[in-house]
Amino acid sequence: MRSHRRGVSDFFATLVGLRPWRCEGCEVRFYAWTVAIPFVRYAHCPRCGNFDLQHVARERVERGTLITIKRFLGFPAYRCDPCRQKFFSLLPHRRIVPSMVPAESDKVSAS
């Protein structure tokens, strides 16, 4: 889960593309990129990294750079349901949903 930025170190980390996150299991804060490296080539939410995107009409995207040109050129528009971000992306859309398979440590402790 994303963690709120606080302090100067969080803002410097943002300059190199890292964002603060918090583990839902143990509450530890850490820094990481929004999306894992193998998935960077697919369309994802720039705010939260979600891949489960909905196509929306180009006119619904209200913020961003060069919006008029992107609409005119027919860039695909997407909406991220969890954070409600609307954006354009030329990257191919691939719906990637996290698996609900238990971690290896959970399998061992269940035996």
PDB file of N, CA and C in Angstrom:
ATOM      1  N   MET A   1       0.844  -1.149   0.000  1.00  0.00           N
ATOM      2  CA  MET A   1       0.000   0.000   0.000  1.00  0.00           C
ATOM      3  C   MET A   1       0.907   1.234   0.000  1.00  0.00           C
ATOM      4  N   ARG A   2       0.503   2.260  -0.762  1.00  0.00           N
ATOM      5  CA  ARG A   2       1.277   3.484  -0.799  1.00  0.00           C
ATOM      6  C   ARG A   2       1.269   4.165   0.552  1.00  0.00           C
ATOM      7  N   SER A   3       2.381   4.762   0.911  1.00  0.00           N
ATOM      8  CA  SER A   3       2.501   5.509   2.150  1.00  0.00           C
ATOM      9  C   SER A   3       2.630   6.987   1.795  1.00  0.00           C
ATOM     10  N   HIS A   4       2.157   7.855   2.657  1.00  0.00           N
ATOM     11  CA  HIS A   4       2.268   9.285   2.398  1.00  0.00           C
ATOM     12  C   HIS A   4       3.717   9.725   2.509  1.00  0.00           C
ATOM     13  N   ARG A   5       4.099  10.676   1.660  1.00  0.00           N
ATOM     14  CA  ARG A   5       5.452  11.211   1.738  1.00  0.00           C
ATOM     15  C   ARG A   5       5.562  12.083   2.980  1.00  0.00           C
ATOM     16  N   ARG A   6       6.714  11.983   3.626  1.00  0.00           N
ATOM     17  CA  ARG A   6       6.980  12.840   4.772  1.00  0.00           C
ATOM     18  C   ARG A   6       8.479  13.046   4.853  1.00  0.00           C
ATOM     19  N   GLY A   7       8.863  14.262   5.052  1.00  0.00           N
ATOM     20  CA  GLY A   7      10.274  14.568   5.204  1.00  0.00           C
ATOM     21  C   GLY A   7      11.002  14.757   3.887  1.00  0.00           C
ATOM     22  N   VAL A   8      12.199  15.272   4.010  1.00  0.00           N
ATOM     23  CA  VAL A   8      13.040  15.597   2.863  1.00  0.00           C
ATOM     24  C   VAL A   8      13.508  14.337   2.130  1.00  0.00           C
ATOM     25  N   SER A   9      13.807  13.279   2.856  1.00  0.00           N
ATOM     26  CA  SER A   9      14.310  12.054   2.220  1.00  0.00           C
ATOM     27  C   SER A   9      13.271  11.449   1.283  1.00  0.00           C
ATOM     28  N   ASP A  10      11.989  11.542   1.625  1.00  0.00           N
ATOM     29  CA  ASP A  10      10.943  11.033   0.747  1.00  0.00           C
ATOM     30  C   ASP A  10      10.891  11.813  -0.564  1.00  0.00           C
ATOM     31  N   PHE A  11      11.065  13.118  -0.492  1.00  0.00           N
ATOM     32  CA  PHE A  11      11.023  13.927  -1.705  1.00  0.00           C
ATOM     33  C   PHE A  11      12.259  13.697  -2.581  1.00  0.00           C
ATOM     34  N   PHE A  12      13.419  13.456  -1.979  1.00  0.00           N
ATOM     35  CA  PHE A  12      14.611  13.143  -2.771  1.00  0.00           C
ATOM     36  C   PHE A  12      14.484  11.773  -3.430  1.00  0.00           C
ATOM     37  N   ALA A  13      13.885  10.821  -2.730  1.00  0.00           N
ATOM     38  CA  ALA A  13      13.650   9.495  -3.305  1.00  0.00           C
ATOM     39  C   ALA A  13      12.712   9.595  -4.509  1.00  0.00           C
ATOM     40  N   THR A  14      11.739  10.492  -4.441  1.00  0.00           N
ATOM     41  CA  THR A  14      10.800  10.687  -5.537  1.00  0.00           C
ATOM     42  C   THR A  14      11.511  11.191  -6.791  1.00  0.00           C
ATOM     43  N   LEU A  15      12.560  11.963  -6.621  1.00  0.00           N
ATOM     44  CA  LEU A  15      13.304  12.493  -7.772  1.00  0.00           C
ATOM     45  C   LEU A  15      13.943  11.392  -8.608  1.00  0.00           C
ATOM     46  N   VAL A  16      14.253  10.258  -8.004  1.00  0.00           N
ATOM     47  CA  VAL A  16      14.850   9.142  -8.743  1.00  0.00           C
ATOM     48  C   VAL A  16      13.812   8.068  -9.073  1.00  0.00           C
ATOM     49  N   GLY A  17      12.529   8.409  -8.880  1.00  0.00           N
ATOM     50  CA  GLY A  17      11.465   7.494  -9.266  1.00  0.00           C
ATOM     51  C   GLY A  17      10.999   6.527  -8.203  1.00  0.00           C
ATOM     52  N   LEU A  18      11.546   6.636  -6.993  1.00  0.00           N
ATOM     53  CA  LEU A  18      11.114   5.745  -5.910  1.00  0.00           C
ATOM     54  C   LEU A  18       9.964   6.378  -5.137  1.00  0.00           C
ATOM     55  N   ARG A  19       9.065   5.538  -4.640  1.00  0.00           N
ATOM     56  CA  ARG A  19       7.941   6.022  -3.871  1.00  0.00           C
ATOM     57  C   ARG A  19       7.885   5.301  -2.529  1.00  0.00           C
ATOM     58  N   PRO A  20       7.374   5.968  -1.498  1.00  0.00           N
ATOM     59  CA  PRO A  20       7.256   5.290  -0.201  1.00  0.00           C
ATOM     60  C   PRO A  20       6.057   4.338  -0.189  1.00  0.00           C
ATOM     61  N   TRP A  21       6.256   3.147   0.349  1.00  0.00           N
ATOM     62  CA  TRP A  21       5.213   2.132   0.466  1.00  0.00           C
ATOM     63  C   TRP A  21       5.196   1.625   1.898  1.00  0.00           C
ATOM     64  N   ARG A  22       4.115   0.951   2.282  1.00  0.00           N
ATOM     65  CA  ARG A  22       4.006   0.358   3.606  1.00  0.00           C
ATOM     66  C   ARG A  22       3.465  -1.054   3.446  1.00  0.00           C
ATOM     67  N   CYS A  23       4.156  -2.012   4.052  1.00  0.00           N
ATOM     68  CA  CYS A  23       3.734  -3.408   4.017  1.00  0.00           C
ATOM     69  C   CYS A  23       2.437  -3.550   4.813  1.00  0.00           C
ATOM     70  N   GLU A  24       1.428  -4.175   4.217  1.00  0.00           N
ATOM     71  CA  GLU A  24       0.155  -4.350   4.914  1.00  0.00           C
ATOM     72  C   GLU A  24       0.251  -5.389   6.026  1.00  0.00           C
ATOM     73  N   GLY A  25       1.216  -6.299   5.913  1.00  0.00           N
ATOM     74  CA  GLY A  25       1.358  -7.346   6.917  1.00  0.00           C
ATOM     75  C   GLY A  25       2.089  -6.900   8.168  1.00  0.00           C
ATOM     76  N   CYS A  26       3.218  -6.202   7.994  1.00  0.00           N
ATOM     77  CA  CYS A  26       4.034  -5.860   9.162  1.00  0.00           C
ATOM     78  C   CYS A  26       4.185  -4.359   9.390  1.00  0.00           C
ATOM     79  N   GLU A  27       3.559  -3.534   8.552  1.00  0.00           N
ATOM     80  CA  GLU A  27       3.569  -2.077   8.710  1.00  0.00           C
ATOM     81  C   GLU A  27       4.935  -1.422   8.500  1.00  0.00           C
ATOM     82  N   VAL A  28       5.903  -2.118   7.901  1.00  0.00           N
ATOM     83  CA  VAL A  28       7.227  -1.550   7.654  1.00  0.00           C
ATOM     84  C   VAL A  28       7.176  -0.652   6.422  1.00  0.00           C
ATOM     85  N   ARG A  29       7.795   0.524   6.513  1.00  0.00           N
ATOM     86  CA  ARG A  29       7.895   1.433   5.368  1.00  0.00           C
ATOM     87  C   ARG A  29       9.120   1.091   4.557  1.00  0.00           C
ATOM     88  N   PHE A  30       8.984   1.203   3.208  1.00  0.00           N
ATOM     89  CA  PHE A  30      10.115   0.965   2.320  1.00  0.00           C
ATOM     90  C   PHE A  30       9.921   1.762   1.042  1.00  0.00           C
ATOM     91  N   TYR A  31      10.975   1.845   0.231  1.00  0.00           N
ATOM     92  CA  TYR A  31      10.920   2.563  -1.036  1.00  0.00           C
ATOM     93  C   TYR A  31      10.988   1.567  -2.181  1.00  0.00           C
ATOM     94  N   ALA A  32      10.204   1.832  -3.232  1.00  0.00           N
ATOM     95  CA  ALA A  32      10.217   0.981  -4.422  1.00  0.00           C
ATOM     96  C   ALA A  32       9.620   1.772  -5.581  1.00  0.00           C
ATOM     97  N   TRP A  33       9.812   1.264  -6.783  1.00  0.00           N
ATOM     98  CA  TRP A  33       9.176   1.868  -7.947  1.00  0.00           C
ATOM     99  C   TRP A  33       7.704   1.518  -7.927  1.00  0.00           C
ATOM    100  N   THR A  34       6.898   2.254  -8.679  1.00  0.00           N
ATOM    101  CA  THR A  34       5.464   2.021  -8.715  1.00  0.00           C
ATOM    102  C   THR A  34       5.132   0.658  -9.293  1.00  0.00           C
ATOM    103  N   VAL A  35       5.920   0.217 -10.275  1.00  0.00           N
ATOM    104  CA  VAL A  35       5.663  -1.043 -10.977  1.00  0.00           C
ATOM    105  C   VAL A  35       6.964  -1.835 -11.055  1.00  0.00           C
ATOM    106  N   ALA A  36       6.869  -3.145 -10.958  1.00  0.00           N
ATOM    107  CA  ALA A  36       8.050  -3.997 -11.093  1.00  0.00           C
ATOM    108  C   ALA A  36       8.611  -3.872 -12.512  1.00  0.00           C
ATOM    109  N   ILE A  37       9.913  -3.979 -12.647  1.00  0.00           N
ATOM    110  CA  ILE A  37      10.607  -3.772 -13.921  1.00  0.00           C
ATOM    111  C   ILE A  37      10.017  -4.593 -15.078  1.00  0.00           C
ATOM    112  N   PRO A  38       9.697  -5.885 -14.929  1.00  0.00           N
ATOM    113  CA  PRO A  38       9.162  -6.634 -16.073  1.00  0.00           C
ATOM    114  C   PRO A  38       7.815  -6.109 -16.591  1.00  0.00           C
ATOM    115  N   PHE A  39       7.084  -5.344 -15.773  1.00  0.00           N
ATOM    116  CA  PHE A  39       5.760  -4.873 -16.167  1.00  0.00           C
ATOM    117  C   PHE A  39       5.716  -3.412 -16.584  1.00  0.00           C
ATOM    118  N   VAL A  40       6.850  -2.742 -16.618  1.00  0.00           N
ATOM    119  CA  VAL A  40       6.901  -1.326 -16.967  1.00  0.00           C
ATOM    120  C   VAL A  40       6.420  -1.085 -18.398  1.00  0.00           C
ATOM    121  N   ARG A  41       6.539  -2.068 -19.259  1.00  0.00           N
ATOM    122  CA  ARG A  41       6.179  -1.887 -20.676  1.00  0.00           C
ATOM    123  C   ARG A  41       4.682  -1.967 -20.941  1.00  0.00           C
ATOM    124  N   TYR A  42       3.863  -2.206 -19.910  1.00  0.00           N
ATOM    125  CA  TYR A  42       2.408  -2.260 -20.061  1.00  0.00           C
ATOM    126  C   TYR A  42       1.768  -1.027 -19.421  1.00  0.00           C
ATOM    127  N   ALA A  43       0.592  -0.645 -19.928  1.00  0.00           N
ATOM    128  CA  ALA A  43      -0.121   0.510 -19.387  1.00  0.00           C
ATOM    129  C   ALA A  43      -0.465   0.266 -17.923  1.00  0.00           C
ATOM    130  N   HIS A  44      -0.153   1.237 -17.095  1.00  0.00           N
ATOM    131  CA  HIS A  44      -0.441   1.160 -15.668  1.00  0.00           C
ATOM    132  C   HIS A  44      -0.702   2.556 -15.130  1.00  0.00           C
ATOM    133  N   CYS A  45      -1.378   2.618 -14.024  1.00  0.00           N
ATOM    134  CA  CYS A  45      -1.694   3.903 -13.409  1.00  0.00           C
ATOM    135  C   CYS A  45      -0.403   4.577 -12.944  1.00  0.00           C
ATOM    136  N   PRO A  46      -0.177   5.821 -13.332  1.00  0.00           N
ATOM    137  CA  PRO A  46       1.046   6.504 -12.903  1.00  0.00           C
ATOM    138  C   PRO A  46       1.053   6.832 -11.410  1.00  0.00           C
ATOM    139  N   ARG A  47      -0.099   6.845 -10.778  1.00  0.00           N
ATOM    140  CA  ARG A  47      -0.175   7.169  -9.358  1.00  0.00           C
ATOM    141  C   ARG A  47       0.028   5.943  -8.468  1.00  0.00           C
ATOM    142  N   CYS A  48      -0.693   4.842  -8.768  1.00  0.00           N
ATOM    143  CA  CYS A  48      -0.647   3.696  -7.854  1.00  0.00           C
ATOM    144  C   CYS A  48      -0.076   2.426  -8.485  1.00  0.00           C
ATOM    145  N   GLY A  49       0.137   2.406  -9.808  1.00  0.00           N
ATOM    146  CA  GLY A  49       0.714   1.236 -10.456  1.00  0.00           C
ATOM    147  C   GLY A  49      -0.291   0.149 -10.810  1.00  0.00           C
ATOM    148  N   ASN A  50      -1.573   0.407 -10.674  1.00  0.00           N
ATOM    149  CA  ASN A  50      -2.615  -0.573 -10.954  1.00  0.00           C
ATOM    150  C   ASN A  50      -2.665  -0.911 -12.453  1.00  0.00           C
ATOM    151  N   PHE A  51      -2.825  -2.201 -12.776  1.00  0.00           N
ATOM    152  CA  PHE A  51      -2.940  -2.643 -14.165  1.00  0.00           C
ATOM    153  C   PHE A  51      -4.384  -2.919 -14.562  1.00  0.00           C
ATOM    154  N   ASP A  52      -5.292  -2.967 -13.605  1.00  0.00           N
ATOM    155  CA  ASP A  52      -6.698  -3.241 -13.879  1.00  0.00           C
ATOM    156  C   ASP A  52      -7.372  -1.924 -14.257  1.00  0.00           C
ATOM    157  N   LEU A  53      -7.204  -1.520 -15.514  1.00  0.00           N
ATOM    158  CA  LEU A  53      -7.652  -0.216 -15.994  1.00  0.00           C
ATOM    159  C   LEU A  53      -8.914  -0.343 -16.833  1.00  0.00           C
ATOM    160  N   GLN A  54      -9.676   0.736 -16.882  1.00  0.00           N
ATOM    161  CA  GLN A  54     -10.863   0.796 -17.717  1.00  0.00           C
ATOM    162  C   GLN A  54     -10.610   1.792 -18.836  1.00  0.00           C
ATOM    163  N   HIS A  55     -11.040   1.456 -20.059  1.00  0.00           N
ATOM    164  CA  HIS A  55     -10.973   2.410 -21.159  1.00  0.00           C
ATOM    165  C   HIS A  55     -12.052   3.466 -20.924  1.00  0.00           C
ATOM    166  N   VAL A  56     -11.713   4.719 -21.161  1.00  0.00           N
ATOM    167  CA  VAL A  56     -12.682   5.811 -21.043  1.00  0.00           C
ATOM    168  C   VAL A  56     -12.583   6.677 -22.288  1.00  0.00           C
ATOM    169  N   ALA A  57     -13.573   7.526 -22.485  1.00  0.00           N
ATOM    170  CA  ALA A  57     -13.554   8.463 -23.605  1.00  0.00           C
ATOM    171  C   ALA A  57     -12.422   9.464 -23.410  1.00  0.00           C
ATOM    172  N   ARG A  58     -11.783   9.845 -24.496  1.00  0.00           N
ATOM    173  CA  ARG A  58     -10.641  10.779 -24.416  1.00  0.00           C
ATOM    174  C   ARG A  58     -11.028  12.115 -23.787  1.00  0.00           C
ATOM    175  N   GLU A  59     -12.267  12.524 -23.970  1.00  0.00           N
ATOM    176  CA  GLU A  59     -12.727  13.808 -23.446  1.00  0.00           C
ATOM    177  C   GLU A  59     -12.817  13.805 -21.918  1.00  0.00           C
ATOM    178  N   ARG A  60     -12.811  12.651 -21.299  1.00  0.00           N
ATOM    179  CA  ARG A  60     -12.932  12.563 -19.846  1.00  0.00           C
ATOM    180  C   ARG A  60     -11.607  12.840 -19.131  1.00  0.00           C
ATOM    181  N   VAL A  61     -10.491  12.764 -19.857  1.00  0.00           N
ATOM    182  CA  VAL A  61      -9.185  13.073 -19.255  1.00  0.00           C
ATOM    183  C   VAL A  61      -9.054  14.594 -19.220  1.00  0.00           C
ATOM    184  N   GLU A  62      -8.923  15.131 -18.008  1.00  0.00           N
ATOM    185  CA  GLU A  62      -8.931  16.582 -17.838  1.00  0.00           C
ATOM    186  C   GLU A  62      -7.585  17.167 -17.460  1.00  0.00           C
ATOM    187  N   ARG A  63      -6.669  16.335 -16.940  1.00  0.00           N
ATOM    188  CA  ARG A  63      -5.377  16.836 -16.487  1.00  0.00           C
ATOM    189  C   ARG A  63      -4.252  16.113 -17.199  1.00  0.00           C
ATOM    190  N   GLY A  64      -3.126  16.816 -17.333  1.00  0.00           N
ATOM    191  CA  GLY A  64      -1.956  16.227 -17.962  1.00  0.00           C
ATOM    192  C   GLY A  64      -1.318  17.196 -18.940  1.00  0.00           C
ATOM    193  N   THR A  65      -0.276  16.727 -19.585  1.00  0.00           N
ATOM    194  CA  THR A  65       0.422  17.578 -20.546  1.00  0.00           C
ATOM    195  C   THR A  65      -0.037  17.260 -21.960  1.00  0.00           C
ATOM    196  N   LEU A  66      -0.153  18.281 -22.756  1.00  0.00           N
ATOM    197  CA  LEU A  66      -0.507  18.168 -24.173  1.00  0.00           C
ATOM    198  C   LEU A  66      -1.799  17.389 -24.409  1.00  0.00           C
ATOM    199  N   ILE A  67      -2.812  17.621 -23.595  1.00  0.00           N
ATOM    200  CA  ILE A  67      -4.065  16.865 -23.678  1.00  0.00           C
ATOM    201  C   ILE A  67      -4.727  17.034 -25.041  1.00  0.00           C
ATOM    202  N   THR A  68      -4.789  18.239 -25.548  1.00  0.00           N
ATOM    203  CA  THR A  68      -5.447  18.484 -26.831  1.00  0.00           C
ATOM    204  C   THR A  68      -4.782  17.699 -27.948  1.00  0.00           C
ATOM    205  N   ILE A  69      -3.460  17.660 -27.951  1.00  0.00           N
ATOM    206  CA  ILE A  69      -2.725  16.925 -28.986  1.00  0.00           C
ATOM    207  C   ILE A  69      -2.959  15.423 -28.838  1.00  0.00           C
ATOM    208  N   LYS A  70      -2.952  14.920 -27.604  1.00  0.00           N
ATOM    209  CA  LYS A  70      -3.184  13.490 -27.376  1.00  0.00           C
ATOM    210  C   LYS A  70      -4.586  13.086 -27.809  1.00  0.00           C
ATOM    211  N   ARG A  71      -5.570  13.944 -27.559  1.00  0.00           N
ATOM    212  CA  ARG A  71      -6.937  13.654 -28.015  1.00  0.00           C
ATOM    213  C   ARG A  71      -6.990  13.635 -29.533  1.00  0.00           C
ATOM    214  N   PHE A  72      -6.369  14.625 -30.161  1.00  0.00           N
ATOM    215  CA  PHE A  72      -6.382  14.725 -31.625  1.00  0.00           C
ATOM    216  C   PHE A  72      -5.694  13.523 -32.274  1.00  0.00           C
ATOM    217  N   LEU A  73      -4.585  13.070 -31.686  1.00  0.00           N
ATOM    218  CA  LEU A  73      -3.844  11.934 -32.240  1.00  0.00           C
ATOM    219  C   LEU A  73      -4.463  10.582 -31.882  1.00  0.00           C
ATOM    220  N   GLY A  74      -5.473  10.574 -31.027  1.00  0.00           N
ATOM    221  CA  GLY A  74      -6.183   9.346 -30.711  1.00  0.00           C
ATOM    222  C   GLY A  74      -5.490   8.448 -29.698  1.00  0.00           C
ATOM    223  N   PHE A  75      -4.744   9.031 -28.772  1.00  0.00           N
ATOM    224  CA  PHE A  75      -4.109   8.223 -27.727  1.00  0.00           C
ATOM    225  C   PHE A  75      -5.193   7.522 -26.910  1.00  0.00           C
ATOM    226  N   PRO A  76      -4.985   6.274 -26.518  1.00  0.00           N
ATOM    227  CA  PRO A  76      -5.964   5.591 -25.663  1.00  0.00           C
ATOM    228  C   PRO A  76      -6.017   6.226 -24.272  1.00  0.00           C
ATOM    229  N   ALA A  77      -7.230   6.385 -23.756  1.00  0.00           N
ATOM    230  CA  ALA A  77      -7.439   6.966 -22.427  1.00  0.00           C
ATOM    231  C   ALA A  77      -7.887   5.868 -21.469  1.00  0.00           C
ATOM    232  N   TYR A  78      -7.376   5.929 -20.236  1.00  0.00           N
ATOM    233  CA  TYR A  78      -7.674   4.927 -19.229  1.00  0.00           C
ATOM    234  C   TYR A  78      -8.085   5.591 -17.920  1.00  0.00           C
ATOM    235  N   ARG A  79      -8.766   4.808 -17.088  1.00  0.00           N
ATOM    236  CA  ARG A  79      -9.139   5.250 -15.748  1.00  0.00           C
ATOM    237  C   ARG A  79      -8.786   4.141 -14.767  1.00  0.00           C
ATOM    238  N   CYS A  80      -8.145   4.528 -13.681  1.00  0.00           N
ATOM    239  CA  CYS A  80      -7.801   3.599 -12.607  1.00  0.00           C
ATOM    240  C   CYS A  80      -8.911   3.690 -11.568  1.00  0.00           C
ATOM    241  N   ASP A  81      -9.587   2.573 -11.308  1.00  0.00           N
ATOM    242  CA  ASP A  81     -10.717   2.586 -10.385  1.00  0.00           C
ATOM    243  C   ASP A  81     -10.316   2.885  -8.940  1.00  0.00           C
ATOM    244  N   PRO A  82      -9.252   2.266  -8.383  1.00  0.00           N
ATOM    245  CA  PRO A  82      -8.928   2.545  -6.974  1.00  0.00           C
ATOM    246  C   PRO A  82      -8.582   4.005  -6.671  1.00  0.00           C
ATOM    247  N   CYS A  83      -7.786   4.646  -7.530  1.00  0.00           N
ATOM    248  CA  CYS A  83      -7.394   6.029  -7.221  1.00  0.00           C
ATOM    249  C   CYS A  83      -8.085   7.061  -8.117  1.00  0.00           C
ATOM    250  N   ARG A  84      -8.929   6.604  -9.037  1.00  0.00           N
ATOM    251  CA  ARG A  84      -9.751   7.454  -9.895  1.00  0.00           C
ATOM    252  C   ARG A  84      -8.942   8.360 -10.826  1.00  0.00           C
ATOM    253  N   GLN A  85      -7.700   8.014 -11.072  1.00  0.00           N
ATOM    254  CA  GLN A  85      -6.823   8.765 -11.973  1.00  0.00           C
ATOM    255  C   GLN A  85      -7.232   8.480 -13.422  1.00  0.00           C
ATOM    256  N   LYS A  86      -7.323   9.531 -14.260  1.00  0.00           N
ATOM    257  CA  LYS A  86      -7.592   9.367 -15.689  1.00  0.00           C
ATOM    258  C   LYS A  86      -6.364   9.860 -16.438  1.00  0.00           C
ATOM    259  N   PHE A  87      -5.913   9.090 -17.435  1.00  0.00           N
ATOM    260  CA  PHE A  87      -4.667   9.420 -18.116  1.00  0.00           C
ATOM    261  C   PHE A  87      -4.618   8.787 -19.499  1.00  0.00           C
ATOM    262  N   PHE A  88      -3.682   9.261 -20.311  1.00  0.00           N
ATOM    263  CA  PHE A  88      -3.407   8.697 -21.631  1.00  0.00           C
ATOM    264  C   PHE A  88      -2.167   7.821 -21.543  1.00  0.00           C
ATOM    265  N   SER A  89      -2.138   6.760 -22.355  1.00  0.00           N
ATOM    266  CA  SER A  89      -0.943   5.917 -22.416  1.00  0.00           C
ATOM    267  C   SER A  89      -0.870   5.237 -23.779  1.00  0.00           C
ATOM    268  N   LEU A  90       0.304   5.248 -24.363  1.00  0.00           N
ATOM    269  CA  LEU A  90       0.535   4.530 -25.621  1.00  0.00           C
ATOM    270  C   LEU A  90       1.013   3.106 -25.385  1.00  0.00           C
ATOM    271  N   LEU A  91       1.287   2.764 -24.143  1.00  0.00           N
ATOM    272  CA  LEU A  91       1.737   1.412 -23.828  1.00  0.00           C
ATOM    273  C   LEU A  91       0.592   0.425 -24.038  1.00  0.00           C
ATOM    274  N   PRO A  92       0.903  -0.807 -24.424  1.00  0.00           N
ATOM    275  CA  PRO A  92      -0.173  -1.788 -24.623  1.00  0.00           C
ATOM    276  C   PRO A  92      -0.878  -2.110 -23.308  1.00  0.00           C
ATOM    277  N   HIS A  93      -2.193  -2.268 -23.398  1.00  0.00           N
ATOM    278  CA  HIS A  93      -2.983  -2.568 -22.202  1.00  0.00           C
ATOM    279  C   HIS A  93      -3.007  -4.066 -21.969  1.00  0.00           C
ATOM    280  N   ARG A  94      -2.664  -4.462 -20.765  1.00  0.00           N
ATOM    281  CA  ARG A  94      -2.700  -5.869 -20.364  1.00  0.00           C
ATOM    282  C   ARG A  94      -3.182  -5.897 -18.924  1.00  0.00           C
ATOM    283  N   ARG A  95      -4.289  -6.551 -18.706  1.00  0.00           N
ATOM    284  CA  ARG A  95      -4.858  -6.611 -17.359  1.00  0.00           C
ATOM    285  C   ARG A  95      -4.064  -7.625 -16.544  1.00  0.00           C
ATOM    286  N   ILE A  96      -3.335  -7.146 -15.553  1.00  0.00           N
ATOM    287  CA  ILE A  96      -2.539  -7.993 -14.679  1.00  0.00           C
ATOM    288  C   ILE A  96      -3.117  -7.855 -13.273  1.00  0.00           C
ATOM    289  N   VAL A  97      -3.658  -8.941 -12.756  1.00  0.00           N
ATOM    290  CA  VAL A  97      -4.272  -8.930 -11.435  1.00  0.00           C
ATOM    291  C   VAL A  97      -3.408  -9.765 -10.507  1.00  0.00           C
ATOM    292  N   PRO A  98      -3.100  -9.273  -9.303  1.00  0.00           N
ATOM    293  CA  PRO A  98      -2.266 -10.050  -8.375  1.00  0.00           C
ATOM    294  C   PRO A  98      -2.933 -11.385  -8.043  1.00  0.00           C
ATOM    295  N   SER A  99      -2.121 -12.416  -7.938  1.00  0.00           N
ATOM    296  CA  SER A  99      -2.670 -13.739  -7.604  1.00  0.00           C
ATOM    297  C   SER A  99      -2.964 -13.810  -6.119  1.00  0.00           C
ATOM    298  N   MET A 100      -3.861 -14.666  -5.772  1.00  0.00           N
ATOM    299  CA  MET A 100      -4.229 -14.845  -4.377  1.00  0.00           C
ATOM    300  C   MET A 100      -3.631 -16.137  -3.829  1.00  0.00           C
ATOM    301  N   VAL A 101      -2.530 -16.597  -4.432  1.00  0.00           N
ATOM    302  CA  VAL A 101      -1.861 -17.811  -3.996  1.00  0.00           C
ATOM    303  C   VAL A 101      -1.103 -17.497  -2.717  1.00  0.00           C
ATOM    304  N   PRO A 102      -1.223 -18.328  -1.684  1.00  0.00           N
ATOM    305  CA  PRO A 102      -0.503 -18.036  -0.438  1.00  0.00           C
ATOM    306  C   PRO A 102       1.008 -18.109  -0.636  1.00  0.00           C
ATOM    307  N   ALA A 103       1.703 -17.325   0.140  1.00  0.00           N
ATOM    308  CA  ALA A 103       3.164 -17.313   0.075  1.00  0.00           C
ATOM    309  C   ALA A 103       3.713 -18.669   0.481  1.00  0.00           C
ATOM    310  N   GLU A 104       4.951 -18.962   0.074  1.00  0.00           N
ATOM    311  CA  GLU A 104       5.601 -20.251   0.372  1.00  0.00           C
ATOM    312  C   GLU A 104       5.675 -20.485   1.873  1.00  0.00           C
ATOM    313  N   SER A 105       5.920 -19.455   2.660  1.00  0.00           N
ATOM    314  CA  SER A 105       6.011 -19.618   4.109  1.00  0.00           C
ATOM    315  C   SER A 105       4.664 -20.023   4.704  1.00  0.00           C
ATOM    316  N   ASP A 106       3.547 -19.545   4.096  1.00  0.00           N
ATOM    317  CA  ASP A 106       2.221 -19.929   4.576  1.00  0.00           C
ATOM    318  C   ASP A 106       1.943 -21.407   4.313  1.00  0.00           C
ATOM    319  N   LYS A 107       2.433 -21.922   3.177  1.00  0.00           N
ATOM    320  CA  LYS A 107       2.231 -23.329   2.842  1.00  0.00           C
ATOM    321  C   LYS A 107       2.973 -24.231   3.825  1.00  0.00           C
ATOM    322  N   VAL A 108       4.181 -23.823   4.203  1.00  0.00           N
ATOM    323  CA  VAL A 108       5.010 -24.639   5.098  1.00  0.00           C
ATOM    324  C   VAL A 108       4.384 -24.687   6.482  1.00  0.00           C
ATOM    325  N   SER A 109       3.897 -23.538   6.981  1.00  0.00           N
ATOM    326  CA  SER A 109       3.348 -23.501   8.327  1.00  0.00           C
ATOM    327  C   SER A 109       2.014 -24.240   8.416  1.00  0.00           C
ATOM    328  N   ALA A 110       1.290 -24.364   7.285  1.00  0.00           N
ATOM    329  CA  ALA A 110       0.015 -25.067   7.280  1.00  0.00           C
ATOM    330  C   ALA A 110       0.208 -26.587   7.340  1.00  0.00           C
ATOM    331  N   SER A 111       1.371 -27.074   6.964  1.00  0.00           N
ATOM    332  CA  SER A 111       1.614 -28.530   6.936  1.00  0.00           C
ATOM    333  C   SER A 111       1.829 -29.113   8.301  1.00  0.00           C
TER     334      SER A 111
END
